[in-house]
Amino acid sequence: MVSARIGMVERLPRVLVLDGDPGARETLRRSLAARSCAVLWAGDATNGVRMLVDELLDLDALVIDLHLPHRDARSLAHLVRRAGGEQELPIVVVAGDLAPELREELYDLGVDAIADRREGAAAVAEVVLAVLAERRVQPSRTVDASGDDGDDAAGPNFSFEGSSTLAA
């Protein structure tokens, strides 16, 4: 189980799911809840952005359907990462078969993982948990007065497409 610590109290990870398909959204909500996640949801980008703004400081992950009504996953990832400046919140995009160019564009926008909807809600939930676990185990970096964090190499680029295993 992945849990978040607030002070000395552990709480369930909070995941905001944005998906326009009520059946898919409910199935994913149940899958995440079965894996000890607290799930908030919205069926379109308008309500999703409103919830994101209200809940941002308490969220542990954002899951976005690629074809979310009113604003797709590309637009939302851009809004969160670039316009909003939020770099810490993990973003998982749920999609079917993606063209390589779109996959690359999503990663360039700061998406942490792409989960294959065709694998089912349980596999998508496992991708979300893997991203949460990865974010929690990364050591914090210390930056000296010059701004150097001592890390000259790029970190690993994890992909979660099509399965719940990490690939380098």
N, C-alpha and C. Protein backbone atom coordinates (compact mmCIF):
# COMPACT_ATOMS: atom_id res chain seq x y z
N MET A 1 0.84 -1.18 0.00
CA MET A 1 0.00 0.00 0.00
C MET A 1 0.89 1.24 0.00
N VAL A 2 0.53 2.21 -0.79
CA VAL A 2 1.21 3.49 -0.81
C VAL A 2 0.42 4.41 0.10
N SER A 3 1.08 5.04 1.04
CA SER A 3 0.38 5.99 1.91
C SER A 3 1.17 7.27 1.98
N ALA A 4 0.49 8.33 2.27
CA ALA A 4 1.14 9.63 2.38
C ALA A 4 1.23 9.98 3.86
N ARG A 5 2.30 10.63 4.25
CA ARG A 5 2.45 11.05 5.64
C ARG A 5 2.22 12.55 5.74
N ILE A 6 1.38 12.90 6.68
CA ILE A 6 1.18 14.30 7.00
C ILE A 6 1.52 14.40 8.47
N GLY A 7 2.63 15.04 8.76
CA GLY A 7 3.11 15.03 10.14
C GLY A 7 3.41 13.59 10.51
N MET A 8 2.77 13.10 11.53
CA MET A 8 2.96 11.72 11.95
C MET A 8 1.75 10.85 11.61
N VAL A 9 0.79 11.40 10.92
CA VAL A 9 -0.43 10.67 10.59
C VAL A 9 -0.36 10.20 9.14
N GLU A 10 -0.62 8.91 8.93
CA GLU A 10 -0.68 8.42 7.55
C GLU A 10 -2.09 8.59 7.04
N ARG A 11 -2.20 8.90 5.76
CA ARG A 11 -3.50 9.02 5.12
C ARG A 11 -3.45 8.32 3.77
N LEU A 12 -4.59 8.03 3.26
CA LEU A 12 -4.67 7.40 1.95
C LEU A 12 -4.25 8.41 0.88
N PRO A 13 -3.56 7.95 -0.15
CA PRO A 13 -3.24 8.85 -1.26
C PRO A 13 -4.53 9.35 -1.90
N ARG A 14 -4.56 10.63 -2.23
CA ARG A 14 -5.74 11.24 -2.87
C ARG A 14 -5.46 11.38 -4.36
N VAL A 15 -6.36 10.82 -5.14
CA VAL A 15 -6.22 10.80 -6.60
C VAL A 15 -7.44 11.47 -7.22
N LEU A 16 -7.20 12.44 -8.10
CA LEU A 16 -8.27 13.08 -8.85
C LEU A 16 -8.33 12.42 -10.23
N VAL A 17 -9.48 11.81 -10.54
CA VAL A 17 -9.69 11.14 -11.82
C VAL A 17 -10.61 12.01 -12.67
N LEU A 18 -10.13 12.36 -13.86
CA LEU A 18 -10.91 13.16 -14.81
C LEU A 18 -11.18 12.28 -16.02
N ASP A 19 -12.43 11.84 -16.14
CA ASP A 19 -12.80 10.94 -17.24
C ASP A 19 -14.25 11.19 -17.59
N GLY A 20 -14.53 11.39 -18.86
CA GLY A 20 -15.87 11.68 -19.32
C GLY A 20 -16.78 10.48 -19.42
N ASP A 21 -16.24 9.28 -19.35
CA ASP A 21 -17.04 8.06 -19.45
C ASP A 21 -17.42 7.61 -18.05
N PRO A 22 -18.71 7.73 -17.66
CA PRO A 22 -19.11 7.39 -16.29
C PRO A 22 -18.77 5.95 -15.90
N GLY A 23 -18.93 5.01 -16.82
CA GLY A 23 -18.61 3.61 -16.52
C GLY A 23 -17.13 3.40 -16.27
N ALA A 24 -16.30 3.93 -17.15
CA ALA A 24 -14.84 3.80 -16.99
C ALA A 24 -14.38 4.50 -15.73
N ARG A 25 -14.94 5.67 -15.47
CA ARG A 25 -14.57 6.45 -14.28
C ARG A 25 -14.92 5.68 -13.00
N GLU A 26 -16.11 5.11 -12.94
CA GLU A 26 -16.54 4.37 -11.76
C GLU A 26 -15.71 3.10 -11.56
N THR A 27 -15.40 2.41 -12.64
CA THR A 27 -14.59 1.20 -12.54
C THR A 27 -13.19 1.54 -12.04
N LEU A 28 -12.62 2.62 -12.54
CA LEU A 28 -11.30 3.05 -12.08
C LEU A 28 -11.37 3.52 -10.62
N ARG A 29 -12.43 4.23 -10.27
CA ARG A 29 -12.59 4.67 -8.88
C ARG A 29 -12.60 3.47 -7.94
N ARG A 30 -13.36 2.43 -8.31
CA ARG A 30 -13.41 1.23 -7.47
C ARG A 30 -12.05 0.54 -7.40
N SER A 31 -11.35 0.48 -8.52
CA SER A 31 -10.02 -0.16 -8.54
C SER A 31 -9.04 0.58 -7.66
N LEU A 32 -9.06 1.90 -7.72
CA LEU A 32 -8.16 2.70 -6.88
C LEU A 32 -8.56 2.60 -5.41
N ALA A 33 -9.85 2.63 -5.12
CA ALA A 33 -10.32 2.51 -3.74
C ALA A 33 -9.93 1.15 -3.16
N ALA A 34 -9.99 0.10 -3.97
CA ALA A 34 -9.60 -1.23 -3.51
C ALA A 34 -8.11 -1.30 -3.20
N ARG A 35 -7.35 -0.36 -3.75
CA ARG A 35 -5.91 -0.29 -3.50
C ARG A 35 -5.58 0.82 -2.50
N SER A 36 -6.55 1.15 -1.68
CA SER A 36 -6.38 2.11 -0.58
C SER A 36 -6.08 3.52 -1.04
N CYS A 37 -6.78 3.98 -2.05
CA CYS A 37 -6.67 5.37 -2.49
C CYS A 37 -8.02 6.07 -2.25
N ALA A 38 -7.96 7.31 -1.85
CA ALA A 38 -9.15 8.15 -1.78
C ALA A 38 -9.30 8.80 -3.16
N VAL A 39 -10.47 8.67 -3.75
CA VAL A 39 -10.65 9.11 -5.13
C VAL A 39 -11.68 10.23 -5.22
N LEU A 40 -11.27 11.32 -5.87
CA LEU A 40 -12.18 12.39 -6.25
C LEU A 40 -12.31 12.28 -7.76
N TRP A 41 -13.40 12.78 -8.33
CA TRP A 41 -13.55 12.65 -9.77
C TRP A 41 -14.38 13.78 -10.36
N ALA A 42 -14.20 13.95 -11.65
CA ALA A 42 -15.01 14.88 -12.43
C ALA A 42 -15.16 14.28 -13.83
N GLY A 43 -16.29 14.59 -14.47
CA GLY A 43 -16.58 14.04 -15.78
C GLY A 43 -16.21 14.92 -16.95
N ASP A 44 -15.70 16.12 -16.66
CA ASP A 44 -15.27 17.00 -17.74
C ASP A 44 -14.18 17.94 -17.21
N ALA A 45 -13.52 18.61 -18.13
CA ALA A 45 -12.39 19.45 -17.76
C ALA A 45 -12.81 20.68 -16.96
N THR A 46 -13.98 21.22 -17.24
CA THR A 46 -14.43 22.42 -16.52
C THR A 46 -14.52 22.14 -15.03
N ASN A 47 -15.22 21.07 -14.67
CA ASN A 47 -15.33 20.70 -13.26
C ASN A 47 -14.01 20.16 -12.72
N GLY A 48 -13.26 19.48 -13.58
CA GLY A 48 -11.97 18.95 -13.18
C GLY A 48 -10.98 20.03 -12.78
N VAL A 49 -10.91 21.09 -13.57
CA VAL A 49 -10.00 22.20 -13.25
C VAL A 49 -10.43 22.87 -11.95
N ARG A 50 -11.73 23.03 -11.78
CA ARG A 50 -12.25 23.62 -10.54
C ARG A 50 -11.82 22.77 -9.33
N MET A 51 -11.99 21.44 -9.44
CA MET A 51 -11.59 20.55 -8.35
C MET A 51 -10.08 20.58 -8.15
N LEU A 52 -9.33 20.61 -9.24
CA LEU A 52 -7.88 20.65 -9.16
C LEU A 52 -7.41 21.88 -8.39
N VAL A 53 -7.98 23.02 -8.69
CA VAL A 53 -7.62 24.25 -7.99
C VAL A 53 -7.97 24.14 -6.50
N ASP A 54 -9.15 23.62 -6.22
CA ASP A 54 -9.59 23.51 -4.82
C ASP A 54 -8.78 22.49 -4.03
N GLU A 55 -8.34 21.42 -4.67
CA GLU A 55 -7.72 20.29 -3.96
C GLU A 55 -6.22 20.16 -4.18
N LEU A 56 -5.60 21.02 -4.97
CA LEU A 56 -4.22 20.82 -5.40
C LEU A 56 -3.26 20.48 -4.28
N LEU A 57 -3.32 21.18 -3.19
CA LEU A 57 -2.35 20.95 -2.12
C LEU A 57 -2.56 19.63 -1.40
N ASP A 58 -3.71 19.01 -1.57
CA ASP A 58 -4.00 17.74 -0.92
C ASP A 58 -3.98 16.55 -1.86
N LEU A 59 -3.72 16.78 -3.14
CA LEU A 59 -3.72 15.69 -4.12
C LEU A 59 -2.36 15.01 -4.18
N ASP A 60 -2.41 13.70 -4.45
CA ASP A 60 -1.18 12.94 -4.63
C ASP A 60 -0.98 12.52 -6.08
N ALA A 61 -2.04 12.52 -6.89
CA ALA A 61 -1.92 12.18 -8.31
C ALA A 61 -3.14 12.70 -9.07
N LEU A 62 -2.92 12.96 -10.35
CA LEU A 62 -3.96 13.40 -11.27
C LEU A 62 -4.00 12.39 -12.42
N VAL A 63 -5.19 11.84 -12.67
CA VAL A 63 -5.38 10.88 -13.76
C VAL A 63 -6.34 11.51 -14.76
N ILE A 64 -5.91 11.61 -16.02
CA ILE A 64 -6.69 12.31 -17.05
C ILE A 64 -6.94 11.40 -18.24
N ASP A 65 -8.20 11.29 -18.63
CA ASP A 65 -8.57 10.61 -19.87
C ASP A 65 -8.03 11.45 -21.03
N LEU A 66 -7.39 10.82 -21.98
CA LEU A 66 -6.82 11.54 -23.12
C LEU A 66 -7.86 12.40 -23.81
N HIS A 67 -9.09 11.90 -23.93
CA HIS A 67 -10.14 12.62 -24.66
C HIS A 67 -11.19 13.19 -23.71
N LEU A 68 -10.76 13.78 -22.63
CA LEU A 68 -11.66 14.38 -21.66
C LEU A 68 -12.49 15.48 -22.32
N PRO A 69 -13.81 15.51 -22.06
CA PRO A 69 -14.64 16.58 -22.64
C PRO A 69 -14.22 17.97 -22.18
N HIS A 70 -14.28 18.92 -23.07
CA HIS A 70 -14.01 20.35 -22.90
C HIS A 70 -12.54 20.73 -22.90
N ARG A 71 -11.66 19.78 -22.64
CA ARG A 71 -10.22 20.08 -22.67
C ARG A 71 -9.51 18.73 -22.58
N ASP A 72 -8.69 18.40 -23.56
CA ASP A 72 -8.08 17.07 -23.54
C ASP A 72 -6.87 17.01 -22.61
N ALA A 73 -6.30 15.83 -22.48
CA ALA A 73 -5.18 15.60 -21.56
C ALA A 73 -3.96 16.47 -21.91
N ARG A 74 -3.72 16.69 -23.19
CA ARG A 74 -2.58 17.55 -23.57
C ARG A 74 -2.76 18.94 -23.01
N SER A 75 -3.93 19.49 -23.21
CA SER A 75 -4.22 20.84 -22.74
C SER A 75 -4.14 20.93 -21.21
N LEU A 76 -4.68 19.93 -20.51
CA LEU A 76 -4.62 19.94 -19.05
C LEU A 76 -3.20 19.77 -18.52
N ALA A 77 -2.43 18.89 -19.14
CA ALA A 77 -1.03 18.71 -18.72
C ALA A 77 -0.28 20.03 -18.91
N HIS A 78 -0.51 20.69 -20.03
CA HIS A 78 0.13 21.99 -20.27
C HIS A 78 -0.30 23.00 -19.21
N LEU A 79 -1.59 23.04 -18.91
CA LEU A 79 -2.12 23.96 -17.90
C LEU A 79 -1.47 23.72 -16.53
N VAL A 80 -1.38 22.47 -16.12
CA VAL A 80 -0.82 22.14 -14.81
C VAL A 80 0.68 22.42 -14.76
N ARG A 81 1.41 21.92 -15.75
CA ARG A 81 2.88 22.01 -15.70
C ARG A 81 3.41 23.39 -16.08
N ARG A 82 2.91 23.95 -17.17
CA ARG A 82 3.49 25.19 -17.68
C ARG A 82 2.78 26.42 -17.11
N ALA A 83 1.49 26.52 -17.32
CA ALA A 83 0.76 27.70 -16.87
C ALA A 83 0.66 27.75 -15.36
N GLY A 84 0.42 26.60 -14.73
CA GLY A 84 0.29 26.56 -13.28
C GLY A 84 1.60 26.39 -12.55
N GLY A 85 2.62 25.93 -13.24
CA GLY A 85 3.93 25.75 -12.62
C GLY A 85 4.02 24.58 -11.65
N GLU A 86 3.03 23.71 -11.62
CA GLU A 86 3.02 22.58 -10.70
C GLU A 86 3.85 21.44 -11.28
N GLN A 87 4.98 21.15 -10.64
CA GLN A 87 5.88 20.11 -11.14
C GLN A 87 5.84 18.84 -10.30
N GLU A 88 5.32 18.92 -9.09
CA GLU A 88 5.38 17.79 -8.16
C GLU A 88 4.22 16.81 -8.30
N LEU A 89 3.07 17.26 -8.75
CA LEU A 89 1.90 16.40 -8.83
C LEU A 89 2.06 15.40 -9.98
N PRO A 90 2.07 14.10 -9.68
CA PRO A 90 2.16 13.12 -10.76
C PRO A 90 0.92 13.16 -11.65
N ILE A 91 1.15 13.09 -12.96
CA ILE A 91 0.06 13.08 -13.94
C ILE A 91 0.14 11.77 -14.72
N VAL A 92 -0.99 11.04 -14.74
CA VAL A 92 -1.12 9.82 -15.52
C VAL A 92 -2.21 10.05 -16.55
N VAL A 93 -1.90 9.81 -17.82
CA VAL A 93 -2.89 9.92 -18.88
C VAL A 93 -3.37 8.51 -19.22
N VAL A 94 -4.70 8.37 -19.34
CA VAL A 94 -5.30 7.09 -19.70
C VAL A 94 -5.72 7.18 -21.16
N ALA A 95 -5.22 6.24 -21.96
CA ALA A 95 -5.49 6.27 -23.40
C ALA A 95 -5.46 4.86 -23.95
N GLY A 96 -5.95 4.73 -25.17
CA GLY A 96 -5.83 3.48 -25.90
C GLY A 96 -4.54 3.53 -26.70
N ASP A 97 -4.60 3.05 -27.90
CA ASP A 97 -3.43 3.05 -28.77
C ASP A 97 -3.07 4.49 -29.16
N LEU A 98 -1.83 4.86 -28.90
CA LEU A 98 -1.37 6.22 -29.20
C LEU A 98 -0.32 6.22 -30.29
N ALA A 99 -0.38 7.21 -31.13
CA ALA A 99 0.69 7.41 -32.10
C ALA A 99 1.95 7.81 -31.35
N PRO A 100 3.12 7.39 -31.82
CA PRO A 100 4.38 7.74 -31.13
C PRO A 100 4.56 9.24 -30.95
N GLU A 101 4.10 10.04 -31.92
CA GLU A 101 4.26 11.49 -31.81
C GLU A 101 3.45 12.05 -30.64
N LEU A 102 2.25 11.54 -30.45
CA LEU A 102 1.39 11.99 -29.36
C LEU A 102 1.96 11.55 -28.01
N ARG A 103 2.46 10.34 -27.95
CA ARG A 103 3.10 9.81 -26.74
C ARG A 103 4.28 10.72 -26.35
N GLU A 104 5.10 11.06 -27.34
CA GLU A 104 6.25 11.93 -27.09
C GLU A 104 5.80 13.31 -26.63
N GLU A 105 4.76 13.84 -27.27
CA GLU A 105 4.24 15.15 -26.89
C GLU A 105 3.75 15.16 -25.44
N LEU A 106 3.06 14.10 -25.03
CA LEU A 106 2.57 14.01 -23.65
C LEU A 106 3.73 13.99 -22.66
N TYR A 107 4.75 13.21 -22.94
CA TYR A 107 5.92 13.17 -22.04
C TYR A 107 6.63 14.53 -22.02
N ASP A 108 6.72 15.18 -23.17
CA ASP A 108 7.34 16.51 -23.23
C ASP A 108 6.55 17.54 -22.41
N LEU A 109 5.25 17.32 -22.30
CA LEU A 109 4.41 18.23 -21.51
C LEU A 109 4.51 17.96 -20.01
N GLY A 110 5.23 16.91 -19.64
CA GLY A 110 5.42 16.63 -18.22
C GLY A 110 4.54 15.53 -17.66
N VAL A 111 3.89 14.77 -18.52
CA VAL A 111 3.11 13.63 -18.06
C VAL A 111 4.08 12.58 -17.51
N ASP A 112 3.75 12.01 -16.36
CA ASP A 112 4.63 11.02 -15.73
C ASP A 112 4.46 9.62 -16.32
N ALA A 113 3.24 9.27 -16.72
CA ALA A 113 2.99 7.93 -17.25
C ALA A 113 1.77 7.95 -18.14
N ILE A 114 1.74 6.99 -19.06
CA ILE A 114 0.57 6.78 -19.90
C ILE A 114 0.10 5.36 -19.63
N ALA A 115 -1.15 5.23 -19.19
CA ALA A 115 -1.73 3.91 -18.89
C ALA A 115 -2.64 3.51 -20.04
N ASP A 116 -2.51 2.26 -20.45
CA ASP A 116 -3.29 1.76 -21.57
C ASP A 116 -4.68 1.33 -21.07
N ARG A 117 -5.71 2.06 -21.49
CA ARG A 117 -7.08 1.77 -21.08
C ARG A 117 -7.49 0.34 -21.46
N ARG A 118 -6.95 -0.16 -22.55
CA ARG A 118 -7.32 -1.50 -23.02
C ARG A 118 -6.90 -2.59 -22.05
N GLU A 119 -5.96 -2.28 -21.15
CA GLU A 119 -5.50 -3.27 -20.16
C GLU A 119 -6.47 -3.40 -18.99
N GLY A 120 -7.42 -2.47 -18.88
CA GLY A 120 -8.42 -2.54 -17.82
C GLY A 120 -8.10 -1.62 -16.65
N ALA A 121 -9.13 -1.40 -15.83
CA ALA A 121 -9.01 -0.48 -14.70
C ALA A 121 -7.98 -0.93 -13.68
N ALA A 122 -7.87 -2.23 -13.44
CA ALA A 122 -6.90 -2.72 -12.46
C ALA A 122 -5.48 -2.38 -12.90
N ALA A 123 -5.18 -2.52 -14.19
CA ALA A 123 -3.85 -2.19 -14.69
C ALA A 123 -3.60 -0.69 -14.62
N VAL A 124 -4.62 0.11 -14.93
CA VAL A 124 -4.48 1.57 -14.81
C VAL A 124 -4.20 1.95 -13.36
N ALA A 125 -4.93 1.34 -12.43
CA ALA A 125 -4.72 1.62 -11.00
C ALA A 125 -3.29 1.24 -10.58
N GLU A 126 -2.77 0.16 -11.10
CA GLU A 126 -1.40 -0.25 -10.77
C GLU A 126 -0.38 0.76 -11.30
N VAL A 127 -0.65 1.33 -12.46
CA VAL A 127 0.22 2.37 -13.01
C VAL A 127 0.22 3.58 -12.07
N VAL A 128 -0.96 3.97 -11.61
CA VAL A 128 -1.06 5.11 -10.70
C VAL A 128 -0.27 4.82 -9.43
N LEU A 129 -0.41 3.62 -8.86
CA LEU A 129 0.34 3.26 -7.65
C LEU A 129 1.84 3.25 -7.90
N ALA A 130 2.25 2.78 -9.07
CA ALA A 130 3.68 2.76 -9.39
C ALA A 130 4.24 4.17 -9.48
N VAL A 131 3.48 5.08 -10.07
CA VAL A 131 3.92 6.47 -10.17
C VAL A 131 3.99 7.09 -8.77
N LEU A 132 2.99 6.82 -7.94
CA LEU A 132 3.01 7.33 -6.56
C LEU A 132 4.22 6.80 -5.82
N ALA A 133 4.49 5.52 -5.95
CA ALA A 133 5.63 4.92 -5.27
C ALA A 133 6.94 5.52 -5.78
N GLU A 134 7.05 5.70 -7.08
CA GLU A 134 8.27 6.29 -7.67
C GLU A 134 8.49 7.70 -7.16
N ARG A 135 7.45 8.49 -7.09
CA ARG A 135 7.58 9.86 -6.60
C ARG A 135 8.00 9.89 -5.14
N ARG A 136 7.54 8.90 -4.36
CA ARG A 136 7.86 8.89 -2.93
C ARG A 136 9.26 8.39 -2.62
N VAL A 137 9.84 7.54 -3.47
CA VAL A 137 11.15 6.98 -3.18
C VAL A 137 12.29 7.79 -3.73
N GLN A 138 12.02 8.74 -4.60
CA GLN A 138 13.10 9.55 -5.14
C GLN A 138 13.68 10.41 -4.02
N PRO A 139 14.99 10.36 -3.82
CA PRO A 139 15.58 11.17 -2.76
C PRO A 139 15.47 12.66 -3.08
N SER A 140 15.30 13.44 -2.04
CA SER A 140 15.25 14.88 -2.26
C SER A 140 16.66 15.35 -2.58
N ARG A 141 16.76 16.36 -3.39
CA ARG A 141 18.07 16.86 -3.80
C ARG A 141 18.44 18.09 -2.99
N THR A 142 19.69 18.18 -2.68
CA THR A 142 20.19 19.38 -2.01
C THR A 142 20.89 20.22 -3.06
N VAL A 143 20.63 21.49 -3.03
CA VAL A 143 21.23 22.39 -3.99
C VAL A 143 22.15 23.32 -3.22
N ASP A 144 23.41 23.45 -3.71
CA ASP A 144 24.34 24.35 -3.02
C ASP A 144 24.11 25.79 -3.47
N ALA A 145 24.88 26.70 -2.95
CA ALA A 145 24.70 28.13 -3.23
C ALA A 145 24.81 28.46 -4.71
N SER A 146 25.55 27.66 -5.47
CA SER A 146 25.70 27.93 -6.90
C SER A 146 24.51 27.44 -7.71
N GLY A 147 23.59 26.71 -7.04
CA GLY A 147 22.45 26.15 -7.76
C GLY A 147 22.73 24.76 -8.29
N ASP A 148 23.90 24.20 -8.01
CA ASP A 148 24.28 22.88 -8.48
C ASP A 148 23.72 21.83 -7.54
N ASP A 149 22.97 20.87 -8.11
CA ASP A 149 22.45 19.80 -7.27
C ASP A 149 23.35 18.57 -7.31
N GLY A 150 24.45 18.66 -8.02
CA GLY A 150 25.41 17.57 -8.07
C GLY A 150 25.01 16.43 -8.98
N ASP A 151 23.90 16.56 -9.68
CA ASP A 151 23.43 15.49 -10.55
C ASP A 151 23.58 15.95 -11.99
N ASP A 152 24.63 15.47 -12.64
CA ASP A 152 24.88 15.88 -14.02
C ASP A 152 24.22 14.94 -15.04
N ALA A 153 23.74 13.79 -14.56
CA ALA A 153 23.13 12.84 -15.48
C ALA A 153 21.62 12.95 -15.42
N ALA A 154 21.01 12.73 -16.54
CA ALA A 154 19.55 12.72 -16.55
C ALA A 154 19.05 11.47 -15.85
N GLY A 155 17.95 11.59 -15.15
CA GLY A 155 17.38 10.45 -14.43
C GLY A 155 16.69 9.50 -15.39
N PRO A 156 16.21 8.38 -14.86
CA PRO A 156 15.55 7.40 -15.72
C PRO A 156 14.22 7.94 -16.23
N ASN A 157 13.86 7.49 -17.41
CA ASN A 157 12.57 7.86 -17.99
C ASN A 157 11.70 6.62 -17.94
N PHE A 158 10.76 6.57 -17.00
CA PHE A 158 9.92 5.40 -16.83
C PHE A 158 8.70 5.49 -17.71
N SER A 159 8.32 4.38 -18.26
CA SER A 159 7.11 4.29 -19.06
C SER A 159 6.23 3.20 -18.47
N PHE A 160 4.95 3.45 -18.41
CA PHE A 160 4.04 2.50 -17.80
C PHE A 160 2.99 2.02 -18.80
N GLU A 161 3.27 2.12 -20.06
CA GLU A 161 2.30 1.81 -21.08
C GLU A 161 2.10 0.30 -21.20
N GLY A 162 0.85 -0.11 -21.19
CA GLY A 162 0.52 -1.48 -21.49
C GLY A 162 0.76 -2.47 -20.38
N SER A 163 1.41 -2.09 -19.31
CA SER A 163 1.60 -3.00 -18.19
C SER A 163 1.92 -2.23 -16.95
N SER A 164 1.99 -2.93 -15.86
CA SER A 164 2.26 -2.23 -14.61
C SER A 164 3.71 -2.39 -14.19
N THR A 165 4.58 -2.77 -15.11
CA THR A 165 5.99 -2.91 -14.77
C THR A 165 6.75 -1.69 -15.23
N LEU A 166 7.82 -1.39 -14.53
CA LEU A 166 8.65 -0.25 -14.89
C LEU A 166 9.61 -0.66 -15.99
N ALA A 167 9.82 0.22 -16.92
CA ALA A 167 10.78 -0.05 -18.00
C ALA A 167 11.73 1.12 -18.06
N ALA A 168 13.00 0.83 -18.17
CA ALA A 168 13.98 1.92 -18.25
C ALA A 168 14.03 2.45 -19.65
